[in-house]
């Protein structure tokens, strides 16, 4: 179920929350069976008044608390 939603979200912008409270928004480029995520055009949106551009990043799946897919 979760992998199907992620497959449908490839190429679309998702929001993820990490351990420690950090929130990232980026376009999902790919993922693997451990839910490691590759995001491009990523921004750190933890502080909405101070967005940080991160570009292309890999997020380890064990750090991910929540993944919010784009609206259908």
Protein backbone atom coordinates (compact mmCIF):
# COMPACT_ATOMS: atom_id res chain seq x y z
CA UNK A 1 0.00 0.00 0.00
CA UNK A 2 2.63 2.55 1.05
CA UNK A 3 4.90 1.72 -1.88
CA UNK A 4 1.98 2.10 -4.30
CA UNK A 5 1.30 5.62 -2.98
CA UNK A 6 5.01 6.46 -3.28
CA UNK A 7 5.13 5.10 -6.84
CA UNK A 8 2.19 7.33 -7.74
CA UNK A 9 4.01 10.29 -6.13
CA UNK A 10 7.22 10.00 -8.20
CA UNK A 11 7.79 13.31 -9.98
CA UNK A 12 5.44 15.13 -7.59
CA UNK A 13 6.14 17.29 -4.56
CA UNK A 14 5.83 15.58 -1.18
CA UNK A 15 6.24 16.77 2.40
CA UNK A 16 8.16 14.63 4.86
CA UNK A 17 8.74 14.98 8.58
CA UNK A 18 11.94 13.65 10.10
CA UNK A 19 12.93 12.59 13.59
CA UNK A 20 13.76 15.70 15.57
CA UNK A 21 10.95 17.70 13.96
CA UNK A 22 12.62 18.79 10.72
CA UNK A 23 10.24 19.07 7.75
CA UNK A 24 11.34 18.83 4.12
CA UNK A 25 9.44 19.49 0.90
CA UNK A 26 10.75 18.23 -2.42
CA UNK A 27 9.97 16.38 -5.62
CA UNK A 28 10.22 12.63 -5.17
CA UNK A 29 12.72 11.20 -7.63
CA UNK A 30 12.87 7.64 -6.25
CA UNK A 31 12.84 5.31 -3.26
CA UNK A 32 13.83 1.78 -2.25
CA UNK A 33 12.48 -1.04 -0.08
CA UNK A 34 13.86 0.65 3.07
CA UNK A 35 11.92 3.82 2.21
CA UNK A 36 15.15 5.71 1.61
CA UNK A 37 13.99 8.69 -0.46
CA UNK A 38 15.69 10.66 -3.22
CA UNK A 39 14.28 14.19 -3.37
CA UNK A 40 15.15 16.96 -5.81
CA UNK A 41 14.53 20.70 -5.53
CA UNK A 42 14.28 20.08 -1.78
CA UNK A 43 13.60 22.82 0.75
CA UNK A 44 13.80 22.72 4.54
CA UNK A 45 10.40 24.13 5.55
CA UNK A 46 10.79 23.59 9.31
CA UNK A 47 10.84 27.37 9.84
CA UNK A 48 8.30 28.82 7.38
CA UNK A 49 9.92 32.27 7.61
CA UNK A 50 13.40 30.96 6.80
CA UNK A 51 13.22 28.39 3.98
CA UNK A 52 16.52 26.72 3.10
CA UNK A 53 17.12 25.31 -0.36
CA UNK A 54 18.86 21.92 -0.19
CA UNK A 55 18.64 20.74 -3.81
CA UNK A 56 19.09 17.01 -4.52
CA UNK A 57 19.25 14.92 -1.33
CA UNK A 58 18.89 11.35 -0.07
CA UNK A 59 16.89 10.82 3.13
CA UNK A 60 17.42 7.60 5.08
CA UNK A 61 14.16 5.78 5.62
CA UNK A 62 14.76 5.19 9.33
CA UNK A 63 14.75 8.97 9.91
CA UNK A 64 11.34 9.47 8.30
CA UNK A 65 8.40 9.86 10.69
CA UNK A 66 5.71 10.89 8.18
CA UNK A 67 5.33 11.21 4.41
CA UNK A 68 2.53 13.40 3.05
CA UNK A 69 1.83 12.63 -0.61
CA UNK A 70 0.39 15.26 -2.96
CA UNK A 71 -3.39 15.60 -3.12
CA UNK A 72 -4.97 13.22 -5.64
